[in-house]
């Protein structure tokens, strides 16, 4: 209800503050909200699951070998005494 009220007010402002058109602005806001909810709840509007990338960009230019080297370096850093 608050969204509709704010949208109707916005429509009134955009129209130049005309007198006596409040019902039209309210009806337009209601239609916009209904359309928004219809689209938002539609199965077609739901995001599709992300597909696995074809390449692993995080591995860097060296690919898996570079990723393995970073993992070894990380483990070595963890085992060093402070």
Protein backbone atom coordinates (compact mmCIF):
# COMPACT_ATOMS: atom_id res chain seq x y z
CA UNK A 1 0.00 0.00 0.00
CA UNK A 2 2.86 2.37 0.79
CA UNK A 3 4.51 1.64 -2.56
CA UNK A 4 1.26 2.40 -4.38
CA UNK A 5 0.85 5.66 -2.49
CA UNK A 6 4.39 6.78 -3.30
CA UNK A 7 4.03 5.78 -6.95
CA UNK A 8 0.70 7.60 -7.29
CA UNK A 9 2.31 10.71 -5.80
CA UNK A 10 5.20 10.38 -8.24
CA UNK A 11 2.77 10.08 -11.16
CA UNK A 12 0.94 13.19 -9.92
CA UNK A 13 4.23 15.11 -9.77
CA UNK A 14 5.27 13.92 -13.24
CA UNK A 15 1.92 15.08 -14.62
CA UNK A 16 2.51 18.60 -13.27
CA UNK A 17 0.36 18.45 -10.10
CA UNK A 18 -3.04 18.45 -11.85
CA UNK A 19 -6.11 18.84 -9.68
CA UNK A 20 -8.75 16.07 -9.67
CA UNK A 21 -6.70 13.23 -11.19
CA UNK A 22 -5.85 11.41 -7.97
CA UNK A 23 -8.04 8.39 -8.80
CA UNK A 24 -6.33 8.00 -12.18
CA UNK A 25 -2.86 8.17 -10.63
CA UNK A 26 -3.85 5.69 -7.92
CA UNK A 27 -5.28 3.26 -10.49
CA UNK A 28 -2.13 3.54 -12.61
CA UNK A 29 0.04 2.82 -9.57
CA UNK A 30 -2.09 -0.22 -8.70
CA UNK A 31 -1.75 -1.54 -12.27
CA UNK A 32 2.01 -1.06 -12.20
CA UNK A 33 2.29 -2.89 -8.87
CA UNK A 34 0.15 -5.79 -10.09
CA UNK A 35 2.25 -6.08 -13.24
CA UNK A 36 5.44 -6.00 -11.19
CA UNK A 37 4.19 -8.76 -8.89
CA UNK A 38 2.95 -10.85 -11.83
CA UNK A 39 6.32 -10.65 -13.55
CA UNK A 40 8.34 -11.13 -10.36
CA UNK A 41 6.42 -14.28 -9.41
CA UNK A 42 6.49 -15.74 -12.92
CA UNK A 43 8.62 -18.90 -13.32
CA UNK A 44 10.15 -17.32 -16.42
CA UNK A 45 11.47 -14.41 -14.34
CA UNK A 46 13.39 -16.59 -11.89
CA UNK A 47 17.15 -16.55 -12.35
CA UNK A 48 18.66 -19.55 -14.07
CA UNK A 49 21.30 -21.45 -12.15
CA UNK A 50 24.78 -20.38 -13.02
CA UNK A 51 26.57 -22.78 -15.29
CA UNK A 52 30.07 -24.02 -14.57
CA UNK A 53 32.58 -21.88 -16.50
CA UNK A 54 34.43 -23.49 -19.37
CA UNK A 55 37.77 -22.34 -17.94
CA UNK A 56 38.90 -21.55 -14.42
CA UNK A 57 39.86 -17.87 -14.54
CA UNK A 58 40.98 -17.92 -10.89
CA UNK A 59 43.74 -20.36 -11.78
CA UNK A 60 45.46 -17.63 -13.80
CA UNK A 61 47.43 -17.99 -16.99
CA UNK A 62 49.26 -21.08 -15.72
CA UNK A 63 46.05 -23.07 -15.30
CA UNK A 64 45.92 -25.89 -12.77
CA UNK A 65 49.67 -26.00 -12.27
CA UNK A 66 49.72 -22.40 -11.09
CA UNK A 67 46.79 -23.05 -8.77
CA UNK A 68 48.60 -26.05 -7.30
CA UNK A 69 51.73 -23.98 -6.74
CA UNK A 70 49.73 -21.31 -4.93
CA UNK A 71 48.12 -23.96 -2.72
CA UNK A 72 51.56 -25.36 -1.81
CA UNK A 73 52.89 -21.88 -1.03
CA UNK A 74 49.87 -21.18 1.12
CA UNK A 75 50.32 -24.39 3.10
CA UNK A 76 54.01 -23.63 3.57
CA UNK A 77 53.20 -20.15 4.87
CA UNK A 78 50.70 -21.60 7.34
CA UNK A 79 53.22 -24.07 8.73
CA UNK A 80 55.93 -21.42 9.36
CA UNK A 81 56.27 -20.39 12.97
CA UNK A 82 55.54 -16.76 13.70
